[in-house]
C-alpha atoms as a PDB file:
ATOM      1  CA  UNK A   1      61.808 126.512 172.721  1.00  0.00           C
ATOM      2  CA  UNK A   2      62.305 128.192 169.334  1.00  0.00           C
ATOM      3  CA  UNK A   3      61.352 126.737 165.895  1.00  0.00           C
ATOM      4  CA  UNK A   4      63.304 127.683 162.983  1.00  0.00           C
ATOM      5  CA  UNK A   5      61.392 127.002 159.705  1.00  0.00           C
ATOM      6  CA  UNK A   6      62.497 127.161 155.762  1.00  0.00           C
ATOM      7  CA  UNK A   7      60.472 126.292 152.695  1.00  0.00           C
ATOM      8  CA  UNK A   8      61.225 126.344 149.048  1.00  0.00           C
ATOM      9  CA  UNK A   9      59.666 124.853 145.923  1.00  0.00           C
ATOM     10  CA  UNK A  10      61.183 124.454 142.482  1.00  0.00           C
ATOM     11  CA  UNK A  11      59.534 123.869 139.061  1.00  0.00           C
ATOM     12  CA  UNK A  12      62.197 121.046 138.190  1.00  0.00           C
ATOM     13  CA  UNK A  13      63.775 119.996 135.157  1.00  0.00           C
ATOM     14  CA  UNK A  14      60.953 119.014 133.383  1.00  0.00           C
ATOM     15  CA  UNK A  15      57.774 120.139 134.084  1.00  0.00           C
ATOM     16  CA  UNK A  16      56.611 123.309 132.213  1.00  0.00           C
ATOM     17  CA  UNK A  17      54.515 124.093 135.635  1.00  0.00           C
ATOM     18  CA  UNK A  18      55.003 124.073 139.315  1.00  0.00           C
ATOM     19  CA  UNK A  19      51.708 122.379 140.612  1.00  0.00           C
ATOM     20  CA  UNK A  20      53.409 122.077 144.263  1.00  0.00           C
ATOM     21  CA  UNK A  21      52.761 124.833 146.913  1.00  0.00           C
ATOM     22  CA  UNK A  22      53.419 125.523 150.407  1.00  0.00           C
ATOM     23  CA  UNK A  23      52.501 127.644 153.592  1.00  0.00           C
ATOM     24  CA  UNK A  24      53.408 128.689 156.722  1.00  0.00           C
ATOM     25  CA  UNK A  25      51.263 130.626 159.322  1.00  0.00           C
ATOM     26  CA  UNK A  26      51.443 131.526 162.790  1.00  0.00           C
ATOM     27  CA  UNK A  27      48.205 132.312 164.962  1.00  0.00           C
ATOM     28  CA  UNK A  28      47.139 133.574 167.627  1.00  0.00           C
ATOM     29  CA  UNK A  29      43.651 133.749 169.420  1.00  0.00           C
ATOM     30  CA  UNK A  30      43.423 136.966 167.365  1.00  0.00           C
ATOM     31  CA  UNK A  31      44.423 136.180 163.749  1.00  0.00           C
ATOM     32  CA  UNK A  32      46.798 134.831 161.597  1.00  0.00           C
ATOM     33  CA  UNK A  33      49.851 135.697 159.648  1.00  0.00           C
ATOM     34  CA  UNK A  34      51.970 134.526 156.635  1.00  0.00           C
ATOM     35  CA  UNK A  35      55.507 133.455 157.528  1.00  0.00           C
ATOM     36  CA  UNK A  36      58.161 134.146 155.116  1.00  0.00           C
ATOM     37  CA  UNK A  37      59.995 131.454 153.346  1.00  0.00           C
ATOM     38  CA  UNK A  38      62.750 131.120 156.329  1.00  0.00           C
ATOM     39  CA  UNK A  39      62.678 132.719 159.520  1.00  0.00           C
ATOM     40  CA  UNK A  40      62.873 131.933 163.571  1.00  0.00           C
ATOM     41  CA  UNK A  41      60.447 132.611 166.230  1.00  0.00           C
ATOM     42  CA  UNK A  42      59.723 131.221 169.992  1.00  0.00           C
ATOM     43  CA  UNK A  43      56.925 128.979 170.269  1.00  0.00           C
ATOM     44  CA  UNK A  44      55.403 130.506 173.417  1.00  0.00           C
ATOM     45  CA  UNK A  45      51.817 130.037 173.357  1.00  0.00           C
ATOM     46  CA  UNK A  46      51.401 130.811 169.604  1.00  0.00           C
ATOM     47  CA  UNK A  47      50.492 128.086 166.840  1.00  0.00           C
ATOM     48  CA  UNK A  48      52.024 127.658 163.915  1.00  0.00           C
ATOM     49  CA  UNK A  49      50.809 125.709 160.540  1.00  0.00           C
ATOM     50  CA  UNK A  50      53.353 124.410 158.144  1.00  0.00           C
ATOM     51  CA  UNK A  51      51.703 122.467 154.659  1.00  0.00           C
ATOM     52  CA  UNK A  52      53.161 120.980 151.645  1.00  0.00           C
ATOM     53  CA  UNK A  53      50.499 119.961 148.857  1.00  0.00           C
ATOM     54  CA  UNK A  54      51.062 118.712 145.384  1.00  0.00           C
ATOM     55  CA  UNK A  55      48.519 119.006 142.607  1.00  0.00           C
ATOM     56  CA  UNK A  56      47.045 116.326 139.973  1.00  0.00           C
ATOM     57  CA  UNK A  57      45.638 116.720 137.097  1.00  0.00           C
ATOM     58  CA  UNK A  58      47.912 118.531 134.507  1.00  0.00           C
ATOM     59  CA  UNK A  59      48.318 121.976 133.527  1.00  0.00           C
ATOM     60  CA  UNK A  60      46.498 124.411 135.880  1.00  0.00           C
ATOM     61  CA  UNK A  61      44.159 122.173 136.966  1.00  0.00           C
ATOM     62  CA  UNK A  62      46.796 120.274 139.120  1.00  0.00           C
ATOM     63  CA  UNK A  63      48.225 124.365 140.357  1.00  0.00           C
ATOM     64  CA  UNK A  64      44.614 125.397 141.183  1.00  0.00           C
ATOM     65  CA  UNK A  65      44.297 122.203 143.429  1.00  0.00           C
ATOM     66  CA  UNK A  66      46.959 122.824 145.532  1.00  0.00           C
ATOM     67  CA  UNK A  67      46.570 126.183 145.842  1.00  0.00           C
ATOM     68  CA  UNK A  68      42.964 125.788 146.618  1.00  0.00           C
ATOM     69  CA  UNK A  69      43.788 123.248 149.459  1.00  0.00           C
ATOM     70  CA  UNK A  70      46.353 125.831 150.971  1.00  0.00           C
ATOM     71  CA  UNK A  71      44.284 128.885 150.487  1.00  0.00           C
ATOM     72  CA  UNK A  72      41.306 126.518 152.319  1.00  0.00           C
ATOM     73  CA  UNK A  73      43.372 125.763 155.137  1.00  0.00           C
ATOM     74  CA  UNK A  74      44.746 129.565 155.623  1.00  0.00           C
ATOM     75  CA  UNK A  75      40.731 130.596 155.462  1.00  0.00           C
ATOM     76  CA  UNK A  76      39.649 127.955 157.804  1.00  0.00           C
ATOM     77  CA  UNK A  77      42.335 127.230 160.307  1.00  0.00           C
ATOM     78  CA  UNK A  78      41.805 130.586 162.426  1.00  0.00           C
ATOM     79  CA  UNK A  79      37.704 130.081 162.654  1.00  0.00           C
ATOM     80  CA  UNK A  80      38.655 126.903 164.173  1.00  0.00           C
ATOM     81  CA  UNK A  81      41.072 128.147 166.782  1.00  0.00           C
ATOM     82  CA  UNK A  82      38.295 130.768 167.759  1.00  0.00           C
ATOM     83  CA  UNK A  83      35.936 128.224 168.552  1.00  0.00           C
ATOM     84  CA  UNK A  84      37.984 125.496 170.260  1.00  0.00           C
ATOM     85  CA  UNK A  85      40.694 128.017 171.634  1.00  0.00           C
ATOM     86  CA  UNK A  86      42.904 126.056 173.703  1.00  0.00           C
ATOM     87  CA  UNK A  87      42.549 122.368 171.390  1.00  0.00           C
ATOM     88  CA  UNK A  88      43.222 119.429 173.521  1.00  0.00           C
ATOM     89  CA  UNK A  89      44.862 116.704 171.436  1.00  0.00           C
ATOM     90  CA  UNK A  90      41.240 115.077 170.236  1.00  0.00           C
ATOM     91  CA  UNK A  91      39.975 118.543 169.191  1.00  0.00           C
ATOM     92  CA  UNK A  92      43.287 119.109 167.182  1.00  0.00           C
ATOM     93  CA  UNK A  93      42.539 116.201 165.123  1.00  0.00           C
ATOM     94  CA  UNK A  94      38.968 116.247 165.032  1.00  0.00           C
ATOM     95  CA  UNK A  95      39.498 119.855 163.339  1.00  0.00           C
ATOM     96  CA  UNK A  96      42.283 118.650 160.831  1.00  0.00           C
ATOM     97  CA  UNK A  97      40.017 115.873 159.865  1.00  0.00           C
ATOM     98  CA  UNK A  98      37.034 117.868 159.254  1.00  0.00           C
ATOM     99  CA  UNK A  99      39.596 120.566 157.696  1.00  0.00           C
ATOM    100  CA  UNK A 100      40.436 118.037 155.027  1.00  0.00           C
ATOM    101  CA  UNK A 101      36.994 116.674 154.282  1.00  0.00           C
ATOM    102  CA  UNK A 102      35.882 120.215 153.506  1.00  0.00           C
ATOM    103  CA  UNK A 103      38.857 120.430 150.799  1.00  0.00           C
ATOM    104  CA  UNK A 104      38.049 117.247 149.421  1.00  0.00           C
ATOM    105  CA  UNK A 105      34.276 118.244 148.982  1.00  0.00           C
ATOM    106  CA  UNK A 106      35.631 121.710 147.467  1.00  0.00           C
ATOM    107  CA  UNK A 107      37.521 119.740 145.064  1.00  0.00           C
ATOM    108  CA  UNK A 108      35.205 117.777 143.601  1.00  0.00           C
ATOM    109  CA  UNK A 109      31.948 120.001 143.339  1.00  0.00           C
ATOM    110  CA  UNK A 110      34.536 122.359 141.342  1.00  0.00           C
ATOM    111  CA  UNK A 111      35.274 119.650 139.333  1.00  0.00           C
ATOM    112  CA  UNK A 112      31.384 118.834 138.817  1.00  0.00           C
ATOM    113  CA  UNK A 113      30.892 122.333 137.839  1.00  0.00           C
ATOM    114  CA  UNK A 114      33.693 123.300 135.433  1.00  0.00           C
ATOM    115  CA  UNK A 115      34.407 119.953 133.017  1.00  0.00           C
ATOM    116  CA  UNK A 116      38.121 121.748 132.389  1.00  0.00           C
ATOM    117  CA  UNK A 117      39.617 120.592 135.643  1.00  0.00           C
ATOM    118  CA  UNK A 118      37.475 117.612 136.740  1.00  0.00           C
ATOM    119  CA  UNK A 119      39.439 114.711 138.230  1.00  0.00           C
ATOM    120  CA  UNK A 120      41.919 117.217 139.631  1.00  0.00           C
ATOM    121  CA  UNK A 121      43.284 116.921 142.704  1.00  0.00           C
ATOM    122  CA  UNK A 122      46.205 117.136 145.515  1.00  0.00           C
ATOM    123  CA  UNK A 123      47.690 115.626 148.157  1.00  0.00           C
ATOM    124  CA  UNK A 124      48.567 117.454 151.358  1.00  0.00           C
ATOM    125  CA  UNK A 125      50.664 117.334 154.534  1.00  0.00           C
ATOM    126  CA  UNK A 126      49.875 119.304 157.656  1.00  0.00           C
ATOM    127  CA  UNK A 127      51.774 119.988 160.750  1.00  0.00           C
ATOM    128  CA  UNK A 128      49.999 122.194 163.637  1.00  0.00           C
ATOM    129  CA  UNK A 129      52.243 123.220 166.408  1.00  0.00           C
ATOM    130  CA  UNK A 130      51.698 123.948 169.886  1.00  0.00           C
ATOM    131  CA  UNK A 131      52.144 123.349 173.904  1.00  0.00           C
ATOM    132  CA  UNK A 132      55.187 121.099 172.925  1.00  0.00           C
ATOM    133  CA  UNK A 133      53.134 119.119 170.807  1.00  0.00           C
ATOM    134  CA  UNK A 134      53.042 118.654 166.721  1.00  0.00           C
ATOM    135  CA  UNK A 135      49.815 117.633 165.418  1.00  0.00           C
ATOM    136  CA  UNK A 136      49.491 116.327 161.625  1.00  0.00           C
ATOM    137  CA  UNK A 137      47.306 115.481 158.935  1.00  0.00           C
ATOM    138  CA  UNK A 138      47.826 113.654 155.603  1.00  0.00           C
ATOM    139  CA  UNK A 139      46.226 112.333 152.400  1.00  0.00           C
ATOM    140  CA  UNK A 140      48.441 111.174 149.482  1.00  0.00           C
ATOM    141  CA  UNK A 141      52.129 110.799 149.107  1.00  0.00           C
ATOM    142  CA  UNK A 142      53.721 113.800 150.061  1.00  0.00           C
ATOM    143  CA  UNK A 143      55.225 112.861 153.415  1.00  0.00           C
ATOM    144  CA  UNK A 144      56.007 113.958 157.021  1.00  0.00           C
ATOM    145  CA  UNK A 145      59.282 113.065 158.460  1.00  0.00           C
ATOM    146  CA  UNK A 146      60.603 113.787 162.067  1.00  0.00           C
ATOM    147  CA  UNK A 147      64.548 113.491 162.314  1.00  0.00           C
ATOM    148  CA  UNK A 148      65.591 112.676 166.020  1.00  0.00           C
ATOM    149  CA  UNK A 149      68.948 114.250 167.680  1.00  0.00           C
ATOM    150  CA  UNK A 150      70.655 110.534 167.081  1.00  0.00           C
ATOM    151  CA  UNK A 151      69.907 111.451 163.442  1.00  0.00           C
ATOM    152  CA  UNK A 152      67.719 108.319 162.964  1.00  0.00           C
ATOM    153  CA  UNK A 153      64.658 109.671 160.748  1.00  0.00           C
ATOM    154  CA  UNK A 154      61.052 108.378 161.417  1.00  0.00           C
ATOM    155  CA  UNK A 155      58.011 108.845 158.166  1.00  0.00           C
ATOM    156  CA  UNK A 156      55.103 109.765 160.713  1.00  0.00           C
ATOM    157  CA  UNK A 157      52.681 109.793 157.479  1.00  0.00           C
ATOM    158  CA  UNK A 158      51.843 106.854 155.323  1.00  0.00           C
ATOM    159  CA  UNK A 159      52.210 106.741 151.551  1.00  0.00           C
ATOM    160  CA  UNK A 160      48.675 106.420 150.439  1.00  0.00           C
ATOM    161  CA  UNK A 161      49.423 104.331 147.279  1.00  0.00           C
ATOM    162  CA  UNK A 162      49.823 100.531 146.418  1.00  0.00           C
ATOM    163  CA  UNK A 163      53.258 101.180 145.981  1.00  0.00           C
ATOM    164  CA  UNK A 164      53.246 102.693 149.550  1.00  0.00           C
ATOM    165  CA  UNK A 165      51.356  99.522 150.793  1.00  0.00           C
ATOM    166  CA  UNK A 166      54.040  97.086 149.337  1.00  0.00           C
ATOM    167  CA  UNK A 167      56.991  99.749 151.279  1.00  0.00           C
ATOM    168  CA  UNK A 168      55.244  99.581 154.263  1.00  0.00           C
ATOM    169  CA  UNK A 169      54.379  95.400 154.016  1.00  0.00           C
ATOM    170  CA  UNK A 170      58.321  94.902 153.055  1.00  0.00           C
ATOM    171  CA  UNK A 171      57.493  93.545 149.878  1.00  0.00           C
ATOM    172  CA  UNK A 172      59.713  96.377 148.383  1.00  0.00           C
ATOM    173  CA  UNK A 173      62.766  98.362 149.206  1.00  0.00           C
ATOM    174  CA  UNK A 174      62.626 102.398 149.432  1.00  0.00           C
ATOM    175  CA  UNK A 175      64.860 102.003 146.183  1.00  0.00           C
ATOM    176  CA  UNK A 176      62.572 100.001 144.536  1.00  0.00           C
ATOM    177  CA  UNK A 177      59.767 101.909 145.485  1.00  0.00           C
ATOM    178  CA  UNK A 178      61.289 104.933 144.168  1.00  0.00           C
ATOM    179  CA  UNK A 179      61.285 103.465 140.289  1.00  0.00           C
ATOM    180  CA  UNK A 180      58.541 101.616 140.664  1.00  0.00           C
ATOM    181  CA  UNK A 181      55.911 102.005 137.783  1.00  0.00           C
ATOM    182  CA  UNK A 182      52.934 102.086 139.606  1.00  0.00           C
ATOM    183  CA  UNK A 183      54.557 104.638 142.495  1.00  0.00           C
ATOM    184  CA  UNK A 184      52.073 107.952 141.148  1.00  0.00           C
ATOM    185  CA  UNK A 185      48.920 106.347 141.187  1.00  0.00           C
ATOM    186  CA  UNK A 186      47.380 107.025 144.483  1.00  0.00           C
ATOM    187  CA  UNK A 187      44.577 105.459 146.800  1.00  0.00           C
ATOM    188  CA  UNK A 188      43.732 108.506 148.705  1.00  0.00           C
ATOM    189  CA  UNK A 189      43.624 112.213 147.661  1.00  0.00           C
ATOM    190  CA  UNK A 190      41.649 115.389 148.109  1.00  0.00           C
ATOM    191  CA  UNK A 191      39.407 115.536 145.073  1.00  0.00           C
ATOM    192  CA  UNK A 192      40.727 113.318 142.636  1.00  0.00           C
ATOM    193  CA  UNK A 193      37.159 111.958 141.848  1.00  0.00           C
ATOM    194  CA  UNK A 194      37.960 109.332 144.428  1.00  0.00           C
ATOM    195  CA  UNK A 195      34.400 109.547 146.475  1.00  0.00           C
ATOM    196  CA  UNK A 196      35.222 109.415 149.996  1.00  0.00           C
ATOM    197  CA  UNK A 197      38.950 109.975 151.907  1.00  0.00           C
ATOM    198  CA  UNK A 198      39.914 108.781 155.285  1.00  0.00           C
ATOM    199  CA  UNK A 199      42.828 111.196 155.934  1.00  0.00           C
ATOM    200  CA  UNK A 200      45.531 110.156 158.303  1.00  0.00           C
ATOM    201  CA  UNK A 201      46.042 112.165 161.726  1.00  0.00           C
ATOM    202  CA  UNK A 202      47.962 111.871 164.622  1.00  0.00           C
ATOM    203  CA  UNK A 203      50.312 113.786 167.586  1.00  0.00           C
ATOM    204  CA  UNK A 204      53.792 113.713 168.828  1.00  0.00           C
ATOM    205  CA  UNK A 205      55.576 114.980 171.239  1.00  0.00           C
ATOM    206  CA  UNK A 206      57.982 117.590 170.482  1.00  0.00           C
ATOM    207  CA  UNK A 207      61.413 118.656 171.431  1.00  0.00           C
ATOM    208  CA  UNK A 208      64.772 120.688 171.125  1.00  0.00           C
ATOM    209  CA  UNK A 209      67.189 118.894 168.988  1.00  0.00           C
ATOM    210  CA  UNK A 210      64.161 117.229 166.427  1.00  0.00           C
ATOM    211  CA  UNK A 211      63.587 118.267 162.680  1.00  0.00           C
ATOM    212  CA  UNK A 212      60.298 117.713 161.216  1.00  0.00           C
ATOM    213  CA  UNK A 213      60.617 117.555 156.799  1.00  0.00           C
ATOM    214  CA  UNK A 214      57.194 118.092 154.984  1.00  0.00           C
ATOM    215  CA  UNK A 215      57.940 117.568 151.166  1.00  0.00           C
ATOM    216  CA  UNK A 216      56.594 116.479 147.886  1.00  0.00           C
ATOM    217  CA  UNK A 217      57.148 113.115 146.298  1.00  0.00           C
ATOM    218  CA  UNK A 218      59.524 114.785 144.020  1.00  0.00           C
ATOM    219  CA  UNK A 219      61.979 115.265 146.694  1.00  0.00           C
ATOM    220  CA  UNK A 220      61.671 111.364 147.919  1.00  0.00           C
ATOM    221  CA  UNK A 221      61.963 110.847 143.840  1.00  0.00           C
ATOM    222  CA  UNK A 222      65.731 112.172 144.191  1.00  0.00           C
ATOM    223  CA  UNK A 223      66.924 111.101 147.549  1.00  0.00           C
ATOM    224  CA  UNK A 224      66.408 108.340 149.984  1.00  0.00           C
ATOM    225  CA  UNK A 225      65.533 108.695 153.323  1.00  0.00           C
ATOM    226  CA  UNK A 226      69.240 108.511 154.386  1.00  0.00           C
ATOM    227  CA  UNK A 227      70.305 111.478 152.318  1.00  0.00           C
ATOM    228  CA  UNK A 228      67.706 113.757 153.619  1.00  0.00           C
ATOM    229  CA  UNK A 229      69.653 113.348 156.788  1.00  0.00           C
ATOM    230  CA  UNK A 230      72.694 113.594 155.601  1.00  0.00           C
ATOM    231  CA  UNK A 231      72.035 116.611 153.289  1.00  0.00           C
ATOM    232  CA  UNK A 232      70.380 118.628 156.885  1.00  0.00           C
ATOM    233  CA  UNK A 233      72.768 117.035 159.359  1.00  0.00           C
ATOM    234  CA  UNK A 234      76.307 117.159 157.482  1.00  0.00           C
ATOM    235  CA  UNK A 235      75.816 120.058 154.949  1.00  0.00           C
ATOM    236  CA  UNK A 236      78.322 120.441 152.003  1.00  0.00           C
ATOM    237  CA  UNK A 237      80.379 123.457 152.959  1.00  0.00           C
ATOM    238  CA  UNK A 238      80.058 124.856 149.995  1.00  0.00           C
ATOM    239  CA  UNK A 239      76.548 125.452 150.157  1.00  0.00           C
ATOM    240  CA  UNK A 240      76.412 127.374 153.454  1.00  0.00           C
ATOM    241  CA  UNK A 241      74.402 129.954 151.862  1.00  0.00           C
ATOM    242  CA  UNK A 242      71.344 127.571 151.090  1.00  0.00           C
ATOM    243  CA  UNK A 243      68.568 127.524 153.445  1.00  0.00           C
ATOM    244  CA  UNK A 244      67.950 123.882 154.525  1.00  0.00           C
ATOM    245  CA  UNK A 245      64.835 123.572 152.337  1.00  0.00           C
ATOM    246  CA  UNK A 246      66.819 124.682 149.473  1.00  0.00           C
ATOM    247  CA  UNK A 247      69.712 122.123 150.010  1.00  0.00           C
ATOM    248  CA  UNK A 248      66.808 119.277 149.968  1.00  0.00           C
ATOM    249  CA  UNK A 249      65.464 121.092 146.747  1.00  0.00           C
ATOM    250  CA  UNK A 250      68.993 121.127 145.172  1.00  0.00           C
ATOM    251  CA  UNK A 251      70.174 117.402 146.151  1.00  0.00           C
ATOM    252  CA  UNK A 252      66.846 115.591 145.011  1.00  0.00           C
ATOM    253  CA  UNK A 253      66.940 117.835 141.586  1.00  0.00           C
ATOM    254  CA  UNK A 254      70.869 116.724 141.015  1.00  0.00           C
ATOM    255  CA  UNK A 255      69.489 113.180 140.971  1.00  0.00           C
ATOM    256  CA  UNK A 256      66.345 113.375 139.565  1.00  0.00           C
ATOM    257  CA  UNK A 257      64.627 116.785 138.729  1.00  0.00           C
ATOM    258  CA  UNK A 258      61.645 114.843 137.012  1.00  0.00           C
ATOM    259  CA  UNK A 259      58.690 116.546 139.322  1.00  0.00           C
ATOM    260  CA  UNK A 260      58.222 119.500 141.009  1.00  0.00           C
ATOM    261  CA  UNK A 261      60.116 120.035 144.386  1.00  0.00           C
ATOM    262  CA  UNK A 262      59.018 121.328 147.214  1.00  0.00           C
ATOM    263  CA  UNK A 263      60.288 121.111 151.094  1.00  0.00           C
ATOM    264  CA  UNK A 264      59.686 122.475 154.400  1.00  0.00           C
ATOM    265  CA  UNK A 265      62.246 121.910 157.263  1.00  0.00           C
ATOM    266  CA  UNK A 266      61.202 122.782 160.718  1.00  0.00           C
ATOM    267  CA  UNK A 267      63.993 122.576 163.539  1.00  0.00           C
ATOM    268  CA  UNK A 268      63.828 122.796 167.163  1.00  0.00           C
ATOM    269  CA  UNK A 269      65.877 124.663 168.982  1.00  0.00           C
ATOM    270  CA  UNK A 270      66.486 125.652 172.773  1.00  0.00           C
END
């Protein structure tokens, strides 16, 4: 099985700076290498890490927070691999839990020592692929989706917000959630002055034909789940030159663009 990926971030139509960040890594038992914005590679026995982070705190603070989150992933995941080498599922999820807690503590500490960035925070949604399984960890309201060959879509991550809870309980619809006045108020984030976090983790089997999407809320602010599927599975012929991530960003920007937009699309192939 092979993996094809594409990643893209865009400032959007209104924001003056981009507080989003994304990351792709390929690792073996020796070292980690950055992946480009798009590419294709056999899964073999490699480990692949993909992540999307959305910073909060305004101006440079949010941008610094998201970059700190992904830089900590880059620094700590290779070391974790050396320690556990062939991680079973519990090890992988435990490693991600510890990683997220470490990032959270780092952001809180930085805010304590530097008042100008106090209160900064970030979402983080991360996928770790290895041995026909995908383990994920998540905090905030960026999202991880799985699209199946029958074009059904499932949100693997949970939105850590009151509006996300209302949506999960069926008290509001997806379209109502996108325009809810409190949709940006998070109950969980890395840093952000939140004393304790509870990262969501999980593991799913992967197979050829599946597509995984990691995206910031700028994407889901602009397009619905159904439109994510349609954009990826039935692309406009006039957009053949765009990667899948670029297509998602363009579709979301055309409908909104009020926030920064970031997408990573992972396609599993025979």
